[in-house]
């Protein structure tokens, strides 16, 4: 595989990661936090954090503000990650539908 193709493929995969994936890998793992630790700081249940990580729950504007405050990021970061992932899911769904025609 050429370097250009590999880079494009890698970048494309990275773009498809959910906001929850980024939450776990860029923040919880980096700062050695558990979902329970973050849940306590966010004043939500551990189950809510786990559902955010797995993508079962979408990050809302209210949650984005909480995450931004606790993790010292902007709320826009979390909303942008969530929206980018949602758009990618729709694009993939449309591609699959188009292939089936």
PDB file of N, CA and C in Angstrom:
ATOM      1  N   UNK A   1       0.853  -1.175   0.000  1.00  0.00           N
ATOM      2  CA  UNK A   1       0.000   0.000   0.000  1.00  0.00           C
ATOM      3  C   UNK A   1       0.896   1.234   0.000  1.00  0.00           C
ATOM      4  N   UNK A   2       0.615   2.171  -0.894  1.00  0.00           N
ATOM      5  CA  UNK A   2       1.438   3.373  -0.956  1.00  0.00           C
ATOM      6  C   UNK A   2       1.212   4.223   0.289  1.00  0.00           C
ATOM      7  N   UNK A   3       2.175   5.101   0.542  1.00  0.00           N
ATOM      8  CA  UNK A   3       2.085   5.967   1.723  1.00  0.00           C
ATOM      9  C   UNK A   3       0.875   6.890   1.632  1.00  0.00           C
ATOM     10  N   UNK A   4       0.583   7.365   0.421  1.00  0.00           N
ATOM     11  CA  UNK A   4      -0.557   8.267   0.250  1.00  0.00           C
ATOM     12  C   UNK A   4      -1.865   7.533   0.542  1.00  0.00           C
ATOM     13  N   UNK A   5      -2.026   6.348  -0.018  1.00  0.00           N
ATOM     14  CA  UNK A   5      -3.243   5.571   0.219  1.00  0.00           C
ATOM     15  C   UNK A   5      -3.360   5.221   1.693  1.00  0.00           C
ATOM     16  N   UNK A   6      -2.245   4.826   2.295  1.00  0.00           N
ATOM     17  CA  UNK A   6      -2.263   4.474   3.715  1.00  0.00           C
ATOM     18  C   UNK A   6      -2.676   5.678   4.557  1.00  0.00           C
ATOM     19  N   UNK A   7      -2.119   6.860   4.246  1.00  0.00           N
ATOM     20  CA  UNK A   7      -2.442   8.062   5.006  1.00  0.00           C
ATOM     21  C   UNK A   7      -3.919   8.417   4.845  1.00  0.00           C
ATOM     22  N   UNK A   8      -4.430   8.370   3.637  1.00  0.00           N
ATOM     23  CA  UNK A   8      -5.837   8.678   3.411  1.00  0.00           C
ATOM     24  C   UNK A   8      -6.722   7.687   4.154  1.00  0.00           C
ATOM     25  N   UNK A   9      -6.388   6.407   4.077  1.00  0.00           N
ATOM     26  CA  UNK A   9      -7.159   5.377   4.770  1.00  0.00           C
ATOM     27  C   UNK A   9      -7.120   5.600   6.273  1.00  0.00           C
ATOM     28  N   UNK A  10      -5.947   5.891   6.800  1.00  0.00           N
ATOM     29  CA  UNK A  10      -5.802   6.135   8.237  1.00  0.00           C
ATOM     30  C   UNK A  10      -6.600   7.364   8.651  1.00  0.00           C
ATOM     31  N   UNK A  11      -6.495   8.448   7.888  1.00  0.00           N
ATOM     32  CA  UNK A  11      -7.235   9.664   8.215  1.00  0.00           C
ATOM     33  C   UNK A  11      -8.730   9.420   8.145  1.00  0.00           C
ATOM     34  N   UNK A  12      -9.173   8.660   7.153  1.00  0.00           N
ATOM     35  CA  UNK A  12     -10.599   8.374   7.016  1.00  0.00           C
ATOM     36  C   UNK A  12     -11.096   7.581   8.221  1.00  0.00           C
ATOM     37  N   UNK A  13     -10.317   6.607   8.647  1.00  0.00           N
ATOM     38  CA  UNK A  13     -10.708   5.829   9.830  1.00  0.00           C
ATOM     39  C   UNK A  13     -10.780   6.723  11.059  1.00  0.00           C
ATOM     40  N   UNK A  14      -9.820   7.609  11.204  1.00  0.00           N
ATOM     41  CA  UNK A  14      -9.789   8.489  12.365  1.00  0.00           C
ATOM     42  C   UNK A  14     -11.026   9.385  12.380  1.00  0.00           C
ATOM     43  N   UNK A  15     -11.450   9.866  11.233  1.00  0.00           N
ATOM     44  CA  UNK A  15     -12.608  10.744  11.165  1.00  0.00           C
ATOM     45  C   UNK A  15     -13.880  10.034  11.602  1.00  0.00           C
ATOM     46  N   UNK A  16     -13.922   8.730  11.453  1.00  0.00           N
ATOM     47  CA  UNK A  16     -15.139   7.998  11.777  1.00  0.00           C
ATOM     48  C   UNK A  16     -15.266   7.666  13.256  1.00  0.00           C
ATOM     49  N   UNK A  17     -14.275   7.952  14.047  1.00  0.00           N
ATOM     50  CA  UNK A  17     -14.347   7.624  15.471  1.00  0.00           C
ATOM     51  C   UNK A  17     -15.397   8.491  16.149  1.00  0.00           C
ATOM     52  N   UNK A  18     -16.117   7.897  17.050  1.00  0.00           N
ATOM     53  CA  UNK A  18     -17.175   8.616  17.767  1.00  0.00           C
ATOM     54  C   UNK A  18     -16.587   9.551  18.818  1.00  0.00           C
ATOM     55  N   UNK A  19     -17.426  10.463  19.260  1.00  0.00           N
ATOM     56  CA  UNK A  19     -17.022  11.359  20.342  1.00  0.00           C
ATOM     57  C   UNK A  19     -16.683  10.552  21.589  1.00  0.00           C
ATOM     58  N   UNK A  20     -17.417   9.476  21.818  1.00  0.00           N
ATOM     59  CA  UNK A  20     -17.140   8.600  22.961  1.00  0.00           C
ATOM     60  C   UNK A  20     -15.785   7.935  22.868  1.00  0.00           C
ATOM     61  N   UNK A  21     -15.395   7.548  21.653  1.00  0.00           N
ATOM     62  CA  UNK A  21     -14.063   6.963  21.443  1.00  0.00           C
ATOM     63  C   UNK A  21     -12.995   7.972  21.846  1.00  0.00           C
ATOM     64  N   UNK A  22     -13.168   9.221  21.408  1.00  0.00           N
ATOM     65  CA  UNK A  22     -12.211  10.275  21.770  1.00  0.00           C
ATOM     66  C   UNK A  22     -12.220  10.528  23.274  1.00  0.00           C
ATOM     67  N   UNK A  23     -13.380  10.498  23.867  1.00  0.00           N
ATOM     68  CA  UNK A  23     -13.486  10.689  25.313  1.00  0.00           C
ATOM     69  C   UNK A  23     -12.655   9.645  26.048  1.00  0.00           C
ATOM     70  N   UNK A  24     -12.800   8.396  25.645  1.00  0.00           N
ATOM     71  CA  UNK A  24     -12.064   7.322  26.311  1.00  0.00           C
ATOM     72  C   UNK A  24     -10.571   7.393  26.030  1.00  0.00           C
ATOM     73  N   UNK A  25     -10.205   7.442  24.761  1.00  0.00           N
ATOM     74  CA  UNK A  25      -8.796   7.308  24.390  1.00  0.00           C
ATOM     75  C   UNK A  25      -7.988   8.591  24.561  1.00  0.00           C
ATOM     76  N   UNK A  26      -8.599   9.735  24.350  1.00  0.00           N
ATOM     77  CA  UNK A  26      -7.852  10.985  24.458  1.00  0.00           C
ATOM     78  C   UNK A  26      -7.892  11.595  25.850  1.00  0.00           C
ATOM     79  N   UNK A  27      -8.874  11.201  26.643  1.00  0.00           N
ATOM     80  CA  UNK A  27      -8.999  11.811  27.962  1.00  0.00           C
ATOM     81  C   UNK A  27      -8.925  10.792  29.094  1.00  0.00           C
ATOM     82  N   UNK A  28      -9.835   9.849  29.145  1.00  0.00           N
ATOM     83  CA  UNK A  28      -9.823   8.896  30.260  1.00  0.00           C
ATOM     84  C   UNK A  28      -8.513   8.120  30.309  1.00  0.00           C
ATOM     85  N   UNK A  29      -8.111   7.540  29.190  1.00  0.00           N
ATOM     86  CA  UNK A  29      -6.867   6.758  29.178  1.00  0.00           C
ATOM     87  C   UNK A  29      -5.650   7.638  29.438  1.00  0.00           C
ATOM     88  N   UNK A  30      -5.624   8.809  28.828  1.00  0.00           N
ATOM     89  CA  UNK A  30      -4.483   9.714  28.972  1.00  0.00           C
ATOM     90  C   UNK A  30      -4.310  10.185  30.412  1.00  0.00           C
ATOM     91  N   UNK A  31      -5.419  10.484  31.071  1.00  0.00           N
ATOM     92  CA  UNK A  31      -5.356  11.014  32.436  1.00  0.00           C
ATOM     93  C   UNK A  31      -5.635   9.953  33.493  1.00  0.00           C
ATOM     94  N   UNK A  32      -5.610   8.694  33.074  1.00  0.00           N
ATOM     95  CA  UNK A  32      -5.788   7.567  33.991  1.00  0.00           C
ATOM     96  C   UNK A  32      -7.057   7.716  34.838  1.00  0.00           C
ATOM     97  N   UNK A  33      -8.147   8.069  34.153  1.00  0.00           N
ATOM     98  CA  UNK A  33      -9.445   8.210  34.815  1.00  0.00           C
ATOM     99  C   UNK A  33     -10.328   7.022  34.447  1.00  0.00           C
ATOM    100  N   UNK A  34     -11.172   6.635  35.349  1.00  0.00           N
ATOM    101  CA  UNK A  34     -12.159   5.598  35.059  1.00  0.00           C
ATOM    102  C   UNK A  34     -13.472   6.285  34.679  1.00  0.00           C
ATOM    103  N   UNK A  35     -14.390   5.553  34.058  1.00  0.00           N
ATOM    104  CA  UNK A  35     -15.710   6.133  33.818  1.00  0.00           C
ATOM    105  C   UNK A  35     -16.369   6.613  35.119  1.00  0.00           C
ATOM    106  N   UNK A  36     -16.152   5.894  36.203  1.00  0.00           N
ATOM    107  CA  UNK A  36     -16.718   6.304  37.498  1.00  0.00           C
ATOM    108  C   UNK A  36     -16.120   7.630  37.965  1.00  0.00           C
ATOM    109  N   UNK A  37     -14.805   7.817  37.760  1.00  0.00           N
ATOM    110  CA  UNK A  37     -14.161   9.084  38.127  1.00  0.00           C
ATOM    111  C   UNK A  37     -14.797  10.247  37.368  1.00  0.00           C
ATOM    112  N   UNK A  38     -14.934  10.065  36.051  1.00  0.00           N
ATOM    113  CA  UNK A  38     -15.513  11.129  35.230  1.00  0.00           C
ATOM    114  C   UNK A  38     -16.977  11.349  35.598  1.00  0.00           C
ATOM    115  N   UNK A  39     -17.705  10.285  35.831  1.00  0.00           N
ATOM    116  CA  UNK A  39     -19.119  10.399  36.202  1.00  0.00           C
ATOM    117  C   UNK A  39     -19.283  11.252  37.461  1.00  0.00           C
ATOM    118  N   UNK A  40     -18.427  11.026  38.434  1.00  0.00           N
ATOM    119  CA  UNK A  40     -18.502  11.806  39.678  1.00  0.00           C
ATOM    120  C   UNK A  40     -18.264  13.290  39.399  1.00  0.00           C
ATOM    121  N   UNK A  41     -17.298  13.589  38.541  1.00  0.00           N
ATOM    122  CA  UNK A  41     -16.993  14.990  38.213  1.00  0.00           C
ATOM    123  C   UNK A  41     -18.118  15.639  37.412  1.00  0.00           C
ATOM    124  N   UNK A  42     -18.796  14.836  36.573  1.00  0.00           N
ATOM    125  CA  UNK A  42     -19.894  15.352  35.749  1.00  0.00           C
ATOM    126  C   UNK A  42     -21.225  15.366  36.490  1.00  0.00           C
ATOM    127  N   UNK A  43     -21.266  14.713  37.655  1.00  0.00           N
ATOM    128  CA  UNK A  43     -22.493  14.561  38.441  1.00  0.00           C
ATOM    129  C   UNK A  43     -23.558  13.793  37.652  1.00  0.00           C
ATOM    130  N   UNK A  44     -23.099  12.688  37.039  1.00  0.00           N
ATOM    131  CA  UNK A  44     -23.997  11.759  36.334  1.00  0.00           C
ATOM    132  C   UNK A  44     -23.633  10.350  36.778  1.00  0.00           C
ATOM    133  N   UNK A  45     -24.432   9.389  36.379  1.00  0.00           N
ATOM    134  CA  UNK A  45     -24.122   8.005  36.743  1.00  0.00           C
ATOM    135  C   UNK A  45     -22.980   7.462  35.880  1.00  0.00           C
ATOM    136  N   UNK A  46     -22.329   6.453  36.401  1.00  0.00           N
ATOM    137  CA  UNK A  46     -21.279   5.775  35.639  1.00  0.00           C
ATOM    138  C   UNK A  46     -21.862   5.198  34.356  1.00  0.00           C
ATOM    139  N   UNK A  47     -23.096   4.730  34.429  1.00  0.00           N
ATOM    140  CA  UNK A  47     -23.751   4.165  33.248  1.00  0.00           C
ATOM    141  C   UNK A  47     -23.853   5.203  32.126  1.00  0.00           C
ATOM    142  N   UNK A  48     -24.141   6.441  32.466  1.00  0.00           N
ATOM    143  CA  UNK A  48     -24.228   7.498  31.452  1.00  0.00           C
ATOM    144  C   UNK A  48     -22.881   7.664  30.758  1.00  0.00           C
ATOM    145  N   UNK A  49     -21.804   7.721  31.518  1.00  0.00           N
ATOM    146  CA  UNK A  49     -20.468   7.870  30.924  1.00  0.00           C
ATOM    147  C   UNK A  49     -20.144   6.664  30.051  1.00  0.00           C
ATOM    148  N   UNK A  50     -20.450   5.482  30.531  1.00  0.00           N
ATOM    149  CA  UNK A  50     -20.184   4.278  29.734  1.00  0.00           C
ATOM    150  C   UNK A  50     -20.982   4.295  28.437  1.00  0.00           C
ATOM    151  N   UNK A  51     -22.219   4.783  28.487  1.00  0.00           N
ATOM    152  CA  UNK A  51     -23.036   4.865  27.276  1.00  0.00           C
ATOM    153  C   UNK A  51     -22.524   5.941  26.321  1.00  0.00           C
ATOM    154  N   UNK A  52     -21.957   7.005  26.848  1.00  0.00           N
ATOM    155  CA  UNK A  52     -21.319   8.008  25.990  1.00  0.00           C
ATOM    156  C   UNK A  52     -20.119   7.395  25.274  1.00  0.00           C
ATOM    157  N   UNK A  53     -19.326   6.638  26.026  1.00  0.00           N
ATOM    158  CA  UNK A  53     -18.125   6.009  25.463  1.00  0.00           C
ATOM    159  C   UNK A  53     -18.483   5.029  24.353  1.00  0.00           C
ATOM    160  N   UNK A  54     -19.512   4.230  24.568  1.00  0.00           N
ATOM    161  CA  UNK A  54     -19.885   3.220  23.567  1.00  0.00           C
ATOM    162  C   UNK A  54     -20.721   3.796  22.432  1.00  0.00           C
ATOM    163  N   UNK A  55     -21.152   5.033  22.571  1.00  0.00           N
ATOM    164  CA  UNK A  55     -21.967   5.650  21.530  1.00  0.00           C
ATOM    165  C   UNK A  55     -23.450   5.369  21.666  1.00  0.00           C
ATOM    166  N   UNK A  56     -23.835   4.700  22.742  1.00  0.00           N
ATOM    167  CA  UNK A  56     -25.264   4.451  22.973  1.00  0.00           C
ATOM    168  C   UNK A  56     -26.003   5.752  23.263  1.00  0.00           C
ATOM    169  N   UNK A  57     -25.306   6.716  23.856  1.00  0.00           N
ATOM    170  CA  UNK A  57     -25.855   8.050  24.098  1.00  0.00           C
ATOM    171  C   UNK A  57     -25.061   9.054  23.284  1.00  0.00           C
ATOM    172  N   UNK A  58     -25.774   9.966  22.656  1.00  0.00           N
ATOM    173  CA  UNK A  58     -25.111  11.053  21.939  1.00  0.00           C
ATOM    174  C   UNK A  58     -24.761  12.160  22.936  1.00  0.00           C
ATOM    175  N   UNK A  59     -23.746  12.908  22.605  1.00  0.00           N
ATOM    176  CA  UNK A  59     -23.366  14.038  23.446  1.00  0.00           C
ATOM    177  C   UNK A  59     -24.272  15.211  23.090  1.00  0.00           C
ATOM    178  N   UNK A  60     -25.039  15.647  24.064  1.00  0.00           N
ATOM    179  CA  UNK A  60     -25.951  16.778  23.896  1.00  0.00           C
ATOM    180  C   UNK A  60     -25.203  18.075  24.193  1.00  0.00           C
ATOM    181  N   UNK A  61     -25.850  19.199  23.913  1.00  0.00           N
ATOM    182  CA  UNK A  61     -25.245  20.494  24.220  1.00  0.00           C
ATOM    183  C   UNK A  61     -24.968  20.623  25.719  1.00  0.00           C
ATOM    184  N   UNK A  62     -25.910  20.183  26.540  1.00  0.00           N
ATOM    185  CA  UNK A  62     -25.722  20.262  27.996  1.00  0.00           C
ATOM    186  C   UNK A  62     -24.540  19.407  28.445  1.00  0.00           C
ATOM    187  N   UNK A  63     -24.426  18.199  27.893  1.00  0.00           N
ATOM    188  CA  UNK A  63     -23.304  17.327  28.254  1.00  0.00           C
ATOM    189  C   UNK A  63     -21.994  17.905  27.723  1.00  0.00           C
ATOM    190  N   UNK A  64     -22.037  18.516  26.549  1.00  0.00           N
ATOM    191  CA  UNK A  64     -20.829  19.123  25.981  1.00  0.00           C
ATOM    192  C   UNK A  64     -20.300  20.226  26.899  1.00  0.00           C
ATOM    193  N   UNK A  65     -21.204  20.991  27.484  1.00  0.00           N
ATOM    194  CA  UNK A  65     -20.791  22.041  28.422  1.00  0.00           C
ATOM    195  C   UNK A  65     -20.149  21.418  29.657  1.00  0.00           C
ATOM    196  N   UNK A  66     -20.768  20.361  30.188  1.00  0.00           N
ATOM    197  CA  UNK A  66     -20.191  19.680  31.358  1.00  0.00           C
ATOM    198  C   UNK A  66     -18.818  19.104  31.031  1.00  0.00           C
ATOM    199  N   UNK A  67     -18.709  18.411  29.895  1.00  0.00           N
ATOM    200  CA  UNK A  67     -17.416  17.826  29.506  1.00  0.00           C
ATOM    201  C   UNK A  67     -16.366  18.915  29.321  1.00  0.00           C
ATOM    202  N   UNK A  68     -16.764  20.009  28.677  1.00  0.00           N
ATOM    203  CA  UNK A  68     -15.836  21.112  28.467  1.00  0.00           C
ATOM    204  C   UNK A  68     -15.318  21.685  29.773  1.00  0.00           C
ATOM    205  N   UNK A  69     -16.208  21.837  30.731  1.00  0.00           N
ATOM    206  CA  UNK A  69     -15.822  22.380  32.034  1.00  0.00           C
ATOM    207  C   UNK A  69     -14.889  21.424  32.774  1.00  0.00           C
ATOM    208  N   UNK A  70     -15.273  20.164  32.850  1.00  0.00           N
ATOM    209  CA  UNK A  70     -14.501  19.174  33.613  1.00  0.00           C
ATOM    210  C   UNK A  70     -13.159  18.859  32.953  1.00  0.00           C
ATOM    211  N   UNK A  71     -13.153  18.749  31.626  1.00  0.00           N
ATOM    212  CA  UNK A  71     -11.930  18.345  30.923  1.00  0.00           C
ATOM    213  C   UNK A  71     -11.136  19.524  30.371  1.00  0.00           C
ATOM    214  N   UNK A  72     -11.608  20.740  30.679  1.00  0.00           N
ATOM    215  CA  UNK A  72     -10.942  21.969  30.246  1.00  0.00           C
ATOM    216  C   UNK A  72     -10.780  22.018  28.726  1.00  0.00           C
ATOM    217  N   UNK A  73     -11.885  21.750  28.052  1.00  0.00           N
ATOM    218  CA  UNK A  73     -11.956  21.857  26.597  1.00  0.00           C
ATOM    219  C   UNK A  73     -13.150  22.749  26.281  1.00  0.00           C
ATOM    220  N   UNK A  74     -13.379  22.974  25.016  1.00  0.00           N
ATOM    221  CA  UNK A  74     -14.562  23.746  24.649  1.00  0.00           C
ATOM    222  C   UNK A  74     -15.746  22.805  24.443  1.00  0.00           C
ATOM    223  N   UNK A  75     -16.943  23.270  24.739  1.00  0.00           N
ATOM    224  CA  UNK A  75     -18.123  22.457  24.440  1.00  0.00           C
ATOM    225  C   UNK A  75     -18.221  22.165  22.939  1.00  0.00           C
ATOM    226  N   UNK A  76     -17.757  23.122  22.142  1.00  0.00           N
ATOM    227  CA  UNK A  76     -17.804  22.954  20.688  1.00  0.00           C
ATOM    228  C   UNK A  76     -17.005  21.743  20.221  1.00  0.00           C
ATOM    229  N   UNK A  77     -15.903  21.444  20.901  1.00  0.00           N
ATOM    230  CA  UNK A  77     -15.117  20.257  20.553  1.00  0.00           C
ATOM    231  C   UNK A  77     -16.004  19.023  20.588  1.00  0.00           C
ATOM    232  N   UNK A  78     -16.747  18.853  21.663  1.00  0.00           N
ATOM    233  CA  UNK A  78     -17.569  17.657  21.848  1.00  0.00           C
ATOM    234  C   UNK A  78     -18.734  17.620  20.874  1.00  0.00           C
ATOM    235  N   UNK A  79     -19.349  18.778  20.634  1.00  0.00           N
ATOM    236  CA  UNK A  79     -20.447  18.813  19.666  1.00  0.00           C
ATOM    237  C   UNK A  79     -19.936  18.564  18.250  1.00  0.00           C
ATOM    238  N   UNK A  80     -18.774  19.120  17.925  1.00  0.00           N
ATOM    239  CA  UNK A  80     -18.198  18.886  16.598  1.00  0.00           C
ATOM    240  C   UNK A  80     -17.850  17.416  16.393  1.00  0.00           C
ATOM    241  N   UNK A  81     -17.262  16.784  17.402  1.00  0.00           N
ATOM    242  CA  UNK A  81     -16.952  15.352  17.294  1.00  0.00           C
ATOM    243  C   UNK A  81     -18.227  14.535  17.120  1.00  0.00           C
ATOM    244  N   UNK A  82     -19.254  14.869  17.900  1.00  0.00           N
ATOM    245  CA  UNK A  82     -20.526  14.149  17.812  1.00  0.00           C
ATOM    246  C   UNK A  82     -21.152  14.331  16.434  1.00  0.00           C
ATOM    247  N   UNK A  83     -21.183  15.573  15.957  1.00  0.00           N
ATOM    248  CA  UNK A  83     -21.802  15.849  14.659  1.00  0.00           C
ATOM    249  C   UNK A  83     -21.025  15.231  13.509  1.00  0.00           C
ATOM    250  N   UNK A  84     -19.698  15.264  13.577  1.00  0.00           N
ATOM    251  CA  UNK A  84     -18.881  14.651  12.521  1.00  0.00           C
ATOM    252  C   UNK A  84     -19.150  13.155  12.442  1.00  0.00           C
ATOM    253  N   UNK A  85     -19.265  12.528  13.585  1.00  0.00           N
ATOM    254  CA  UNK A  85     -19.540  11.088  13.610  1.00  0.00           C
ATOM    255  C   UNK A  85     -20.941  10.799  13.061  1.00  0.00           C
ATOM    256  N   UNK A  86     -21.908  11.608  13.452  1.00  0.00           N
ATOM    257  CA  UNK A  86     -23.280  11.414  12.964  1.00  0.00           C
ATOM    258  C   UNK A  86     -23.348  11.588  11.446  1.00  0.00           C
ATOM    259  N   UNK A  87     -22.664  12.601  10.928  1.00  0.00           N
ATOM    260  CA  UNK A  87     -22.631  12.806   9.478  1.00  0.00           C
ATOM    261  C   UNK A  87     -21.989  11.626   8.769  1.00  0.00           C
ATOM    262  N   UNK A  88     -20.914  11.116   9.323  1.00  0.00           N
ATOM    263  CA  UNK A  88     -20.230   9.964   8.724  1.00  0.00           C
ATOM    264  C   UNK A  88     -21.146   8.747   8.698  1.00  0.00           C
ATOM    265  N   UNK A  89     -21.909   8.560   9.759  1.00  0.00           N
ATOM    266  CA  UNK A  89     -22.837   7.432   9.809  1.00  0.00           C
ATOM    267  C   UNK A  89     -23.892   7.546   8.710  1.00  0.00           C
ATOM    268  N   UNK A  90     -24.412   8.752   8.512  1.00  0.00           N
ATOM    269  CA  UNK A  90     -25.415   8.963   7.463  1.00  0.00           C
ATOM    270  C   UNK A  90     -24.794   8.751   6.091  1.00  0.00           C
ATOM    271  N   UNK A  91     -23.594   9.286   5.888  1.00  0.00           N
ATOM    272  CA  UNK A  91     -22.919   9.102   4.593  1.00  0.00           C
ATOM    273  C   UNK A  91     -22.696   7.626   4.297  1.00  0.00           C
ATOM    274  N   UNK A  92     -22.248   6.885   5.287  1.00  0.00           N
ATOM    275  CA  UNK A  92     -22.023   5.453   5.099  1.00  0.00           C
ATOM    276  C   UNK A  92     -23.336   4.745   4.789  1.00  0.00           C
ATOM    277  N   UNK A  93     -24.382   5.128   5.477  1.00  0.00           N
ATOM    278  CA  UNK A  93     -25.699   4.533   5.250  1.00  0.00           C
ATOM    279  C   UNK A  93     -26.179   4.820   3.829  1.00  0.00           C
ATOM    280  N   UNK A  94     -25.971   6.050   3.366  1.00  0.00           N
ATOM    281  CA  UNK A  94     -26.379   6.419   2.010  1.00  0.00           C
ATOM    282  C   UNK A  94     -25.560   5.671   0.970  1.00  0.00           C
ATOM    283  N   UNK A  95     -24.261   5.492   1.216  1.00  0.00           N
ATOM    284  CA  UNK A  95     -23.417   4.736   0.289  1.00  0.00           C
ATOM    285  C   UNK A  95     -23.896   3.298   0.184  1.00  0.00           C
ATOM    286  N   UNK A  96     -24.190   2.709   1.312  1.00  0.00           N
ATOM    287  CA  UNK A  96     -24.654   1.319   1.326  1.00  0.00           C
ATOM    288  C   UNK A  96     -25.984   1.212   0.585  1.00  0.00           C
ATOM    289  N   UNK A  97     -26.878   2.177   0.808  1.00  0.00           N
ATOM    290  CA  UNK A  97     -28.164   2.174   0.109  1.00  0.00           C
ATOM    291  C   UNK A  97     -27.969   2.324  -1.392  1.00  0.00           C
ATOM    292  N   UNK A  98     -27.053   3.201  -1.799  1.00  0.00           N
ATOM    293  CA  UNK A  98     -26.793   3.423  -3.224  1.00  0.00           C
ATOM    294  C   UNK A  98     -26.230   2.167  -3.875  1.00  0.00           C
ATOM    295  N   UNK A  99     -25.405   1.426  -3.165  1.00  0.00           N
ATOM    296  CA  UNK A  99     -24.824   0.198  -3.720  1.00  0.00           C
ATOM    297  C   UNK A  99     -25.887  -0.865  -3.930  1.00  0.00           C
ATOM    298  N   UNK A 100     -26.927  -0.831  -3.116  1.00  0.00           N
ATOM    299  CA  UNK A 100     -27.972  -1.839  -3.203  1.00  0.00           C
ATOM    300  C   UNK A 100     -28.973  -1.590  -4.321  1.00  0.00           C
ATOM    301  N   UNK A 101     -28.870  -0.451  -4.962  1.00  0.00           N
ATOM    302  CA  UNK A 101     -29.831  -0.106  -6.027  1.00  0.00           C
ATOM    303  C   UNK A 101     -29.470  -0.750  -7.327  1.00  0.00           C
TER     304      UNK A 101
END
